[in-house]
Every structure is written in C-alpha cells, then in structure tokens.
Amino acid sequence: MSPTGARGAEVTDPRTASARVRSDIAHNSRVWNYWLGGQDNHPVDRVVGDRVTAMYPSIGEVARADRAFLGRVVHHLAGDVGIGQFLDIGTGLPTANNTHEVAQHTAPDARIVYVDNDPTVLAHARSLLTSSPEGATEYLDADARDTERILRAAERTLDLRRPVAVMMLGVLNFVLDTDEARSAVTGLMDALPSGSHLVLTHPTLELGGEGNEAAMSFWNKNATPPITARSRFEFASFLDGLDILDPGIVSCSRWRADARTGGPEVAQFGAVGRKP
C-alpha cells in the first residue's frame, strides 16, 4: 500500500490500472510478493529484494509471519468473535489465504472491502473480486490517509452501524509522519461502532530488528514508497482508546501462535484492539 500519489478515485477499473504500473523502480507490493515466493514481480524488484535480504536475512521470515498473522486474526475475528465485515487497507498483491478467503471459509456471508492505491495491486484486483455466494467482496482505489473517502465508498458494501474489523497490516510504516499515521487510524475507528476491531502490524528496530536499519536506508534510496520503523511506544499509540486483545503487543509471529502456526520471533509488531 502506497500512501502517496493522487488521493482519489473511489473505485478504479482494474483493466485500466496497468497503465500506471512502473517497472523501472522496485515497488513494495511486488518485492513483498517476491519474498513470499510469488511471480508477480519484475527484475528490478528481485534485484532490490535480494539486496535487502543480503543486508537483513530475516526479511523473508517477516513477510511470511505477517501473512500467517493475517490468517490467524481473521479466523479468530470471523469465527470466535463473530465479526462479519472487514475493511482491509493496504491489501497488497493477492496470494494464498487472502482476507476474504479466510473470512468466508469461516463465515460464508462475510463482507470484505479491500483498499489500495498501488496500480500494480489494482491491476490484479480481479483476482480478489471473488466471493462466496452469500457474502461480498469489493475493491477501492484510495489513499490510506483519506479516511472520509474510504468510509463513504465502503458504505456501499459494509454496514458501518455494525462492528467492522479494520486491517492495516504493514501500512502505517509507509506514512512517515507519526501524527499523520495516528490521524488515519483515528479517522477510521472514530467512525465505527463499539465492537469494531483494529488489526495492525508494523516493522520495528526492536525485537532483534536493529540490523534492518541499513536495509531500510537502502530501500528508501532505491525503491518506493519510503518506509519507516517505529518503537513499541509509537506503535502502541495507534491503539490508544482500544482494549488490546491478549497477548498484547508482540512479534506478529507470536500472536496466538502454536508450534504449527507460529515461528521465530520477527521484528514486526502485531496487535489487535477492540473498540469498547
């Protein structure tokens, strides 16, 4: 999810998004896809991805842990909590076990709205625009910070009078100003009713991530969009006013994981908060 560029069109035809795709510079969604073992990337993405991996060898584990966290959280919210609506901001390129697949496997009538403004992601949106017969899946072309537009467009698919799970996995790290990132979260959660949930992951230089600093600097000089890490204190500020579900703020690989679903601790915070 890139927070840069034109804030605007509520819905973009995926058939026209490919005209905006650039292959001369590495882009986060495609490099992340490469680290996850996908095929939707270009040579420049693989070159930058390999260079980052050489500088920070655990980056692949971070990508896989973040994806596994998504699956565990959505399964919990759709099944145990009974959340039937998901607003997934910063979708990324479709891979296995996307939000709608996990949610609708548990609750076939779940309704999902994906939000991204990365043209590469939008060009692949047709892969996501599928749904169980009972549920619904929609895709919005919007900036993560344009919360009013997101909420207005999401209302065509979601009932915002009922609890919604807002997913922002690896998104706020592309909003470099912490106050602006916090404002984006607040703008969404303030508009949603009690019982709504906020799901976050975010890279950090804590949890053994100190070696990632040089890799992030390289990324910011050679790829787009620029990225920043945040401390536990800064990450926790995004959850102000919410009841944080157990086990609290942890490495995303350790959130309600067992020997089968977890893995080594990675330098990526993960947490889920409930609006009281």
C-alpha atoms as a PDB file:
ATOM      1  CA  MET A   1       0.000   0.000   0.000  1.00  0.00           C
ATOM      2  CA  SER A   2       1.454   3.297  -1.017  1.00  0.00           C
ATOM      3  CA  PRO A   3       0.052   6.347   0.778  1.00  0.00           C
ATOM      4  CA  THR A   4       1.439   8.635  -1.895  1.00  0.00           C
ATOM      5  CA  GLY A   5       0.010   9.813  -5.165  1.00  0.00           C
ATOM      6  CA  ALA A   6      -3.401  11.121  -6.077  1.00  0.00           C
ATOM      7  CA  ARG A   7      -5.987  10.650  -3.395  1.00  0.00           C
ATOM      8  CA  GLY A   8      -8.980   9.982  -5.233  1.00  0.00           C
ATOM      9  CA  ALA A   9     -10.945   7.656  -7.299  1.00  0.00           C
ATOM     10  CA  GLU A  10     -13.168   5.597  -5.057  1.00  0.00           C
ATOM     11  CA  VAL A  11     -13.203   2.681  -7.476  1.00  0.00           C
ATOM     12  CA  THR A  12     -10.808   2.059 -10.338  1.00  0.00           C
ATOM     13  CA  ASP A  13     -11.379  -0.376 -13.186  1.00  0.00           C
ATOM     14  CA  PRO A  14      -8.547  -2.932 -12.809  1.00  0.00           C
ATOM     15  CA  ARG A  15      -8.299  -3.105 -16.598  1.00  0.00           C
ATOM     16  CA  THR A  16      -7.015   0.475 -16.731  1.00  0.00           C
ATOM     17  CA  ALA A  17      -4.705   0.319 -13.696  1.00  0.00           C
ATOM     18  CA  SER A  18      -1.912  -1.383 -15.641  1.00  0.00           C
ATOM     19  CA  ALA A  19      -1.241   1.885 -17.468  1.00  0.00           C
ATOM     20  CA  ARG A  20       0.030   3.320 -14.162  1.00  0.00           C
ATOM     21  CA  VAL A  21       2.392   0.439 -13.369  1.00  0.00           C
ATOM     22  CA  ARG A  22       6.115   1.253 -13.466  1.00  0.00           C
ATOM     23  CA  SER A  23       8.663  -1.492 -13.957  1.00  0.00           C
ATOM     24  CA  ASP A  24      11.791   0.681 -13.755  1.00  0.00           C
ATOM     25  CA  ILE A  25      11.785   1.017  -9.968  1.00  0.00           C
ATOM     26  CA  ALA A  26      11.231  -1.555  -7.255  1.00  0.00           C
ATOM     27  CA  HIS A  27       7.874  -1.318  -5.543  1.00  0.00           C
ATOM     28  CA  ASN A  28       6.880  -2.630  -2.151  1.00  0.00           C
ATOM     29  CA  SER A  29       3.922  -4.766  -3.229  1.00  0.00           C
ATOM     30  CA  ARG A  30       5.973  -6.591  -5.866  1.00  0.00           C
ATOM     31  CA  VAL A  31       9.074  -7.043  -3.679  1.00  0.00           C
ATOM     32  CA  TRP A  32       6.857  -8.364  -0.863  1.00  0.00           C
ATOM     33  CA  ASN A  33       5.316 -10.737  -3.400  1.00  0.00           C
ATOM     34  CA  TYR A  34       8.835 -11.883  -4.332  1.00  0.00           C
ATOM     35  CA  TRP A  35       9.743 -12.534  -0.694  1.00  0.00           C
ATOM     36  CA  LEU A  36       6.569 -14.604  -0.350  1.00  0.00           C
ATOM     37  CA  GLY A  37       7.563 -16.722  -3.347  1.00  0.00           C
ATOM     38  CA  GLY A  38       5.106 -15.158  -5.809  1.00  0.00           C
ATOM     39  CA  GLN A  39       5.532 -14.493  -9.520  1.00  0.00           C
ATOM     40  CA  ASP A  40       4.016 -11.005  -9.786  1.00  0.00           C
ATOM     41  CA  ASN A  41       7.268  -9.047  -9.767  1.00  0.00           C
ATOM     42  CA  HIS A  42       9.851  -7.584 -12.133  1.00  0.00           C
ATOM     43  CA  PRO A  43      13.653  -7.988 -12.383  1.00  0.00           C
ATOM     44  CA  VAL A  44      14.217  -4.683 -10.572  1.00  0.00           C
ATOM     45  CA  ASP A  45      12.075  -5.957  -7.680  1.00  0.00           C
ATOM     46  CA  ARG A  46      14.108  -9.142  -7.413  1.00  0.00           C
ATOM     47  CA  VAL A  47      17.406  -7.243  -7.514  1.00  0.00           C
ATOM     48  CA  VAL A  48      16.346  -4.918  -4.698  1.00  0.00           C
ATOM     49  CA  GLY A  49      14.709  -7.776  -2.804  1.00  0.00           C
ATOM     50  CA  ASP A  50      17.890  -9.831  -2.925  1.00  0.00           C
ATOM     51  CA  ARG A  51      19.982  -6.870  -1.810  1.00  0.00           C
ATOM     52  CA  VAL A  52      17.711  -6.215   1.158  1.00  0.00           C
ATOM     53  CA  THR A  53      17.788  -9.922   2.039  1.00  0.00           C
ATOM     54  CA  ALA A  54      21.596  -9.879   1.962  1.00  0.00           C
ATOM     55  CA  MET A  55      21.566  -6.962   4.394  1.00  0.00           C
ATOM     56  CA  TYR A  56      18.727  -8.286   6.555  1.00  0.00           C
ATOM     57  CA  PRO A  57      18.418 -12.070   6.061  1.00  0.00           C
ATOM     58  CA  SER A  58      15.258 -12.476   8.156  1.00  0.00           C
ATOM     59  CA  ILE A  59      13.109 -10.247   5.914  1.00  0.00           C
ATOM     60  CA  GLY A  60      11.567 -13.307   4.260  1.00  0.00           C
ATOM     61  CA  GLU A  61      10.565 -14.617   7.677  1.00  0.00           C
ATOM     62  CA  VAL A  62       8.961 -11.245   8.419  1.00  0.00           C
ATOM     63  CA  ALA A  63       6.887 -11.421   5.229  1.00  0.00           C
ATOM     64  CA  ARG A  64       5.718 -14.957   5.942  1.00  0.00           C
ATOM     65  CA  ALA A  65       4.988 -14.208   9.606  1.00  0.00           C
ATOM     66  CA  ASP A  66       2.918 -11.165   8.676  1.00  0.00           C
ATOM     67  CA  ARG A  67       0.847 -13.270   6.264  1.00  0.00           C
ATOM     68  CA  ALA A  68       0.330 -16.033   8.810  1.00  0.00           C
ATOM     69  CA  PHE A  69      -0.729 -13.446  11.404  1.00  0.00           C
ATOM     70  CA  LEU A  70      -3.418 -12.229   8.996  1.00  0.00           C
ATOM     71  CA  GLY A  71      -4.822 -15.738   8.717  1.00  0.00           C
ATOM     72  CA  ARG A  72      -4.933 -16.318  12.467  1.00  0.00           C
ATOM     73  CA  VAL A  73      -6.518 -12.957  13.211  1.00  0.00           C
ATOM     74  CA  VAL A  74      -9.194 -13.158  10.520  1.00  0.00           C
ATOM     75  CA  HIS A  75     -10.073 -16.711  11.534  1.00  0.00           C
ATOM     76  CA  HIS A  76     -10.421 -15.572  15.160  1.00  0.00           C
ATOM     77  CA  LEU A  77     -12.484 -12.488  14.355  1.00  0.00           C
ATOM     78  CA  ALA A  78     -14.804 -14.174  11.870  1.00  0.00           C
ATOM     79  CA  GLY A  79     -15.208 -17.323  13.928  1.00  0.00           C
ATOM     80  CA  ASP A  80     -14.746 -16.685  17.644  1.00  0.00           C
ATOM     81  CA  VAL A  81     -15.803 -13.022  17.744  1.00  0.00           C
ATOM     82  CA  GLY A  82     -18.437 -13.147  15.019  1.00  0.00           C
ATOM     83  CA  ILE A  83     -17.204 -10.163  13.022  1.00  0.00           C
ATOM     84  CA  GLY A  84     -18.771 -10.347   9.585  1.00  0.00           C
ATOM     85  CA  GLN A  85     -17.269  -7.228   7.990  1.00  0.00           C
ATOM     86  CA  PHE A  86     -13.644  -6.493   7.113  1.00  0.00           C
ATOM     87  CA  LEU A  87     -12.069  -3.297   5.802  1.00  0.00           C
ATOM     88  CA  ASP A  88      -8.611  -4.346   4.596  1.00  0.00           C
ATOM     89  CA  ILE A  89      -6.450  -1.294   3.910  1.00  0.00           C
ATOM     90  CA  GLY A  90      -3.166  -1.875   2.132  1.00  0.00           C
ATOM     91  CA  THR A  91      -4.193  -5.136   0.555  1.00  0.00           C
ATOM     92  CA  GLY A  92      -1.054  -5.930  -1.383  1.00  0.00           C
ATOM     93  CA  LEU A  93      -0.876  -8.389  -4.239  1.00  0.00           C
ATOM     94  CA  PRO A  94      -3.183 -11.389  -3.927  1.00  0.00           C
ATOM     95  CA  THR A  95      -1.556 -14.563  -2.654  1.00  0.00           C
ATOM     96  CA  ALA A  96      -2.908 -17.582  -0.809  1.00  0.00           C
ATOM     97  CA  ASN A  97      -5.285 -17.095   2.115  1.00  0.00           C
ATOM     98  CA  ASN A  98      -6.416 -13.563   1.367  1.00  0.00           C
ATOM     99  CA  THR A  99      -8.715 -11.879   3.882  1.00  0.00           C
ATOM    100  CA  HIS A 100     -11.932 -12.726   2.055  1.00  0.00           C
ATOM    101  CA  GLU A 101     -10.900 -16.359   1.621  1.00  0.00           C
ATOM    102  CA  VAL A 102     -10.147 -16.860   5.315  1.00  0.00           C
ATOM    103  CA  ALA A 103     -13.206 -14.903   6.487  1.00  0.00           C
ATOM    104  CA  GLN A 104     -15.675 -16.548   4.111  1.00  0.00           C
ATOM    105  CA  HIS A 105     -14.305 -20.009   4.800  1.00  0.00           C
ATOM    106  CA  THR A 106     -15.369 -19.436   8.407  1.00  0.00           C
ATOM    107  CA  ALA A 107     -18.402 -17.212   7.766  1.00  0.00           C
ATOM    108  CA  PRO A 108     -19.667 -17.522   4.178  1.00  0.00           C
ATOM    109  CA  ASP A 109     -21.752 -14.355   4.468  1.00  0.00           C
ATOM    110  CA  ALA A 110     -18.750 -12.175   5.435  1.00  0.00           C
ATOM    111  CA  ARG A 111     -18.367  -8.922   3.525  1.00  0.00           C
ATOM    112  CA  ILE A 112     -14.922  -7.576   2.656  1.00  0.00           C
ATOM    113  CA  VAL A 113     -13.757  -4.262   1.211  1.00  0.00           C
ATOM    114  CA  TYR A 114     -10.142  -4.088   0.061  1.00  0.00           C
ATOM    115  CA  VAL A 115      -8.429  -0.692  -0.217  1.00  0.00           C
ATOM    116  CA  ASP A 116      -5.180   0.102  -2.013  1.00  0.00           C
ATOM    117  CA  ASN A 117      -3.842   2.736  -4.374  1.00  0.00           C
ATOM    118  CA  ASP A 118      -0.894   0.791  -5.753  1.00  0.00           C
ATOM    119  CA  PRO A 119      -1.519   0.413  -9.504  1.00  0.00           C
ATOM    120  CA  THR A 120       0.164  -2.993  -9.541  1.00  0.00           C
ATOM    121  CA  VAL A 121      -2.288  -4.234  -6.939  1.00  0.00           C
ATOM    122  CA  LEU A 122      -5.225  -2.670  -8.749  1.00  0.00           C
ATOM    123  CA  ALA A 123      -4.193  -4.360 -11.976  1.00  0.00           C
ATOM    124  CA  HIS A 124      -4.576  -7.694 -10.165  1.00  0.00           C
ATOM    125  CA  ALA A 125      -7.799  -6.760  -8.405  1.00  0.00           C
ATOM    126  CA  ARG A 126      -9.887  -9.150 -10.461  1.00  0.00           C
ATOM    127  CA  SER A 127      -8.112 -11.964  -8.623  1.00  0.00           C
ATOM    128  CA  LEU A 128      -9.585 -10.581  -5.398  1.00  0.00           C
ATOM    129  CA  LEU A 129     -13.019  -9.629  -6.683  1.00  0.00           C
ATOM    130  CA  THR A 130     -14.439 -13.030  -5.874  1.00  0.00           C
ATOM    131  CA  SER A 131     -16.774 -14.001  -3.121  1.00  0.00           C
ATOM    132  CA  SER A 132     -18.890 -16.732  -1.681  1.00  0.00           C
ATOM    133  CA  PRO A 133     -22.481 -16.515  -2.948  1.00  0.00           C
ATOM    134  CA  GLU A 134     -23.660 -15.403   0.477  1.00  0.00           C
ATOM    135  CA  GLY A 135     -21.012 -12.738   1.012  1.00  0.00           C
ATOM    136  CA  ALA A 136     -19.496  -9.816  -0.880  1.00  0.00           C
ATOM    137  CA  THR A 137     -16.068  -8.555  -1.898  1.00  0.00           C
ATOM    138  CA  GLU A 138     -15.286  -5.067  -3.216  1.00  0.00           C
ATOM    139  CA  TYR A 139     -12.129  -3.155  -4.099  1.00  0.00           C
ATOM    140  CA  LEU A 140     -11.449   0.572  -3.655  1.00  0.00           C
ATOM    141  CA  ASP A 141      -8.660   2.683  -5.130  1.00  0.00           C
ATOM    142  CA  ALA A 142      -7.955   5.106  -2.292  1.00  0.00           C
ATOM    143  CA  ASP A 143      -5.182   6.539  -0.157  1.00  0.00           C
ATOM    144  CA  ALA A 144      -4.881   5.126   3.366  1.00  0.00           C
ATOM    145  CA  ARG A 145      -4.997   8.634   4.803  1.00  0.00           C
ATOM    146  CA  ASP A 146      -8.193   9.622   3.010  1.00  0.00           C
ATOM    147  CA  THR A 147     -10.434   8.115   5.636  1.00  0.00           C
ATOM    148  CA  GLU A 148     -13.581  10.043   4.735  1.00  0.00           C
ATOM    149  CA  ARG A 149     -13.448   8.813   1.160  1.00  0.00           C
ATOM    150  CA  ILE A 150     -12.720   5.249   2.259  1.00  0.00           C
ATOM    151  CA  LEU A 151     -15.639   5.189   4.676  1.00  0.00           C
ATOM    152  CA  ARG A 152     -18.024   6.793   2.208  1.00  0.00           C
ATOM    153  CA  ALA A 153     -17.182   4.275  -0.504  1.00  0.00           C
ATOM    154  CA  ALA A 154     -17.105   1.309   1.888  1.00  0.00           C
ATOM    155  CA  GLU A 155     -20.702   2.002   2.885  1.00  0.00           C
ATOM    156  CA  ARG A 156     -21.812   0.586  -0.450  1.00  0.00           C
ATOM    157  CA  THR A 157     -20.712  -2.846   0.787  1.00  0.00           C
ATOM    158  CA  LEU A 158     -20.452  -2.653   4.573  1.00  0.00           C
ATOM    159  CA  ASP A 159     -22.999  -1.641   7.200  1.00  0.00           C
ATOM    160  CA  LEU A 160     -20.964   0.810   9.262  1.00  0.00           C
ATOM    161  CA  ARG A 161     -23.571   0.749  12.012  1.00  0.00           C
ATOM    162  CA  ARG A 162     -22.352  -2.765  12.824  1.00  0.00           C
ATOM    163  CA  PRO A 163     -18.851  -3.799  14.006  1.00  0.00           C
ATOM    164  CA  VAL A 164     -16.103  -3.804  11.378  1.00  0.00           C
ATOM    165  CA  ALA A 165     -12.591  -5.240  11.553  1.00  0.00           C
ATOM    166  CA  VAL A 166     -10.129  -2.704  10.146  1.00  0.00           C
ATOM    167  CA  MET A 167      -6.995  -4.414   8.840  1.00  0.00           C
ATOM    168  CA  MET A 168      -3.855  -2.281   8.453  1.00  0.00           C
ATOM    169  CA  LEU A 169      -1.029  -4.767   8.079  1.00  0.00           C
ATOM    170  CA  GLY A 170       2.300  -3.220   7.113  1.00  0.00           C
ATOM    171  CA  VAL A 171       0.615   0.013   6.029  1.00  0.00           C
ATOM    172  CA  LEU A 172       1.331   2.716   8.592  1.00  0.00           C
ATOM    173  CA  ASN A 173       5.077   2.257   8.083  1.00  0.00           C
ATOM    174  CA  PHE A 174       4.592   3.994   4.712  1.00  0.00           C
ATOM    175  CA  VAL A 175       3.061   7.038   6.421  1.00  0.00           C
ATOM    176  CA  LEU A 176       6.290   8.608   7.603  1.00  0.00           C
ATOM    177  CA  ASP A 177       4.783  11.217   9.921  1.00  0.00           C
ATOM    178  CA  THR A 178       3.563   9.508  13.092  1.00  0.00           C
ATOM    179  CA  ASP A 179       0.902  12.100  13.811  1.00  0.00           C
ATOM    180  CA  GLU A 180      -0.479  11.680  10.307  1.00  0.00           C
ATOM    181  CA  ALA A 181      -0.480   7.904  10.676  1.00  0.00           C
ATOM    182  CA  ARG A 182      -2.269   8.207  14.008  1.00  0.00           C
ATOM    183  CA  SER A 183      -4.816  10.550  12.437  1.00  0.00           C
ATOM    184  CA  ALA A 184      -5.585   7.968   9.741  1.00  0.00           C
ATOM    185  CA  VAL A 185      -6.288   5.326  12.383  1.00  0.00           C
ATOM    186  CA  THR A 186      -8.398   7.692  14.457  1.00  0.00           C
ATOM    187  CA  GLY A 187     -10.398   8.825  11.443  1.00  0.00           C
ATOM    188  CA  LEU A 188     -11.421   5.250  10.760  1.00  0.00           C
ATOM    189  CA  MET A 189     -12.035   3.983  14.277  1.00  0.00           C
ATOM    190  CA  ASP A 190     -13.945   7.061  15.454  1.00  0.00           C
ATOM    191  CA  ALA A 191     -16.499   6.454  12.690  1.00  0.00           C
ATOM    192  CA  LEU A 192     -17.123   2.816  13.628  1.00  0.00           C
ATOM    193  CA  PRO A 193     -19.313   1.408  16.397  1.00  0.00           C
ATOM    194  CA  SER A 194     -18.411  -0.359  19.605  1.00  0.00           C
ATOM    195  CA  GLY A 195     -17.212  -3.881  18.977  1.00  0.00           C
ATOM    196  CA  SER A 196     -15.171  -2.896  15.930  1.00  0.00           C
ATOM    197  CA  HIS A 197     -11.574  -4.138  15.877  1.00  0.00           C
ATOM    198  CA  LEU A 198      -8.284  -2.703  14.660  1.00  0.00           C
ATOM    199  CA  VAL A 199      -5.625  -5.120  13.402  1.00  0.00           C
ATOM    200  CA  LEU A 200      -2.083  -3.767  12.991  1.00  0.00           C
ATOM    201  CA  THR A 201       1.399  -4.915  12.076  1.00  0.00           C
ATOM    202  CA  HIS A 202       4.418  -2.642  11.801  1.00  0.00           C
ATOM    203  CA  PRO A 203       8.194  -3.089  11.384  1.00  0.00           C
ATOM    204  CA  THR A 204      10.435  -2.117  14.263  1.00  0.00           C
ATOM    205  CA  LEU A 205      14.123  -1.864  15.050  1.00  0.00           C
ATOM    206  CA  GLU A 206      13.314  -3.591  18.322  1.00  0.00           C
ATOM    207  CA  LEU A 207      12.711  -7.352  18.697  1.00  0.00           C
ATOM    208  CA  GLY A 208      16.073  -8.033  17.095  1.00  0.00           C
ATOM    209  CA  GLY A 209      15.461  -5.755  14.157  1.00  0.00           C
ATOM    210  CA  GLU A 210      18.449  -3.457  14.617  1.00  0.00           C
ATOM    211  CA  GLY A 211      20.086  -4.924  11.535  1.00  0.00           C
ATOM    212  CA  ASN A 212      17.157  -3.738   9.453  1.00  0.00           C
ATOM    213  CA  GLU A 213      18.166  -0.075   9.753  1.00  0.00           C
ATOM    214  CA  ALA A 214      20.729  -0.213   6.950  1.00  0.00           C
ATOM    215  CA  ALA A 215      18.344  -2.239   4.783  1.00  0.00           C
ATOM    216  CA  MET A 216      15.607   0.367   5.240  1.00  0.00           C
ATOM    217  CA  SER A 217      18.034   3.126   4.304  1.00  0.00           C
ATOM    218  CA  PHE A 218      18.944   1.216   1.140  1.00  0.00           C
ATOM    219  CA  TRP A 219      15.262   0.690   0.372  1.00  0.00           C
ATOM    220  CA  ASN A 220      14.435   4.366   0.722  1.00  0.00           C
ATOM    221  CA  LYS A 221      17.157   5.244  -1.803  1.00  0.00           C
ATOM    222  CA  ASN A 222      16.331   2.539  -4.330  1.00  0.00           C
ATOM    223  CA  ALA A 223      12.636   1.657  -4.083  1.00  0.00           C
ATOM    224  CA  THR A 224       9.200   3.084  -3.435  1.00  0.00           C
ATOM    225  CA  PRO A 225       7.362   4.009  -1.299  1.00  0.00           C
ATOM    226  CA  PRO A 226       9.727   5.045   1.514  1.00  0.00           C
ATOM    227  CA  ILE A 227       9.387   3.214   4.805  1.00  0.00           C
ATOM    228  CA  THR A 228       9.987   3.858   8.488  1.00  0.00           C
ATOM    229  CA  ALA A 229      10.251   1.676  11.572  1.00  0.00           C
ATOM    230  CA  ARG A 230       8.616   2.578  14.884  1.00  0.00           C
ATOM    231  CA  SER A 231       9.178   1.801  18.536  1.00  0.00           C
ATOM    232  CA  ARG A 232       6.800  -0.140  20.752  1.00  0.00           C
ATOM    233  CA  PHE A 233       5.698   3.157  22.318  1.00  0.00           C
ATOM    234  CA  GLU A 234       4.882   4.681  18.927  1.00  0.00           C
ATOM    235  CA  PHE A 235       3.105   1.529  17.794  1.00  0.00           C
ATOM    236  CA  ALA A 236       1.056   1.422  20.997  1.00  0.00           C
ATOM    237  CA  SER A 237      -0.137   4.987  20.359  1.00  0.00           C
ATOM    238  CA  PHE A 238      -2.103   3.747  17.335  1.00  0.00           C
ATOM    239  CA  LEU A 239      -4.147   1.619  19.732  1.00  0.00           C
ATOM    240  CA  ASP A 240      -4.995   4.390  22.222  1.00  0.00           C
ATOM    241  CA  GLY A 241      -8.550   4.082  23.492  1.00  0.00           C
ATOM    242  CA  LEU A 242      -8.901   0.446  22.429  1.00  0.00           C
ATOM    243  CA  ASP A 243      -8.919  -2.695  24.536  1.00  0.00           C
ATOM    244  CA  ILE A 244      -5.904  -4.691  23.363  1.00  0.00           C
ATOM    245  CA  LEU A 245      -6.602  -8.394  22.986  1.00  0.00           C
ATOM    246  CA  ASP A 246      -4.276 -10.922  24.601  1.00  0.00           C
ATOM    247  CA  PRO A 247      -1.360 -11.447  24.244  1.00  0.00           C
ATOM    248  CA  GLY A 248      -0.953  -7.700  23.726  1.00  0.00           C
ATOM    249  CA  ILE A 249       1.714  -6.113  21.539  1.00  0.00           C
ATOM    250  CA  VAL A 250       4.063  -8.880  20.458  1.00  0.00           C
ATOM    251  CA  SER A 251       6.028 -10.027  17.455  1.00  0.00           C
ATOM    252  CA  CYS A 252       3.349 -10.850  14.884  1.00  0.00           C
ATOM    253  CA  SER A 253       4.752 -14.386  14.653  1.00  0.00           C
ATOM    254  CA  ARG A 254       3.885 -14.920  18.337  1.00  0.00           C
ATOM    255  CA  TRP A 255       0.305 -13.625  18.297  1.00  0.00           C
ATOM    256  CA  ARG A 256      -1.819 -16.622  19.378  1.00  0.00           C
ATOM    257  CA  ALA A 257       0.536 -18.958  17.572  1.00  0.00           C
ATOM    258  CA  ASP A 258       1.411 -22.534  18.371  1.00  0.00           C
ATOM    259  CA  ALA A 259       4.182 -24.780  17.126  1.00  0.00           C
ATOM    260  CA  ARG A 260       2.307 -25.285  13.853  1.00  0.00           C
ATOM    261  CA  THR A 261       1.177 -21.721  13.111  1.00  0.00           C
ATOM    262  CA  GLY A 262       3.990 -19.706  14.680  1.00  0.00           C
ATOM    263  CA  GLY A 263       7.678 -19.429  14.024  1.00  0.00           C
ATOM    264  CA  PRO A 264      10.750 -17.490  15.125  1.00  0.00           C
ATOM    265  CA  GLU A 265      10.250 -14.062  16.618  1.00  0.00           C
ATOM    266  CA  VAL A 266      10.437 -11.408  13.909  1.00  0.00           C
ATOM    267  CA  ALA A 267      10.929  -7.646  14.129  1.00  0.00           C
ATOM    268  CA  GLN A 268       7.340  -6.868  13.224  1.00  0.00           C
ATOM    269  CA  PHE A 269       4.874  -5.817  15.918  1.00  0.00           C
ATOM    270  CA  GLY A 270       1.408  -7.263  15.765  1.00  0.00           C
ATOM    271  CA  ALA A 271      -1.652  -6.422  17.844  1.00  0.00           C
ATOM    272  CA  VAL A 272      -5.448  -6.388  17.785  1.00  0.00           C
ATOM    273  CA  GLY A 273      -7.550  -3.786  19.599  1.00  0.00           C
ATOM    274  CA  ARG A 274     -11.299  -3.741  20.262  1.00  0.00           C
ATOM    275  CA  LYS A 275     -13.295  -0.523  20.418  1.00  0.00           C
ATOM    276  CA  PRO A 276     -15.159  -0.517  23.743  1.00  0.00           C
END
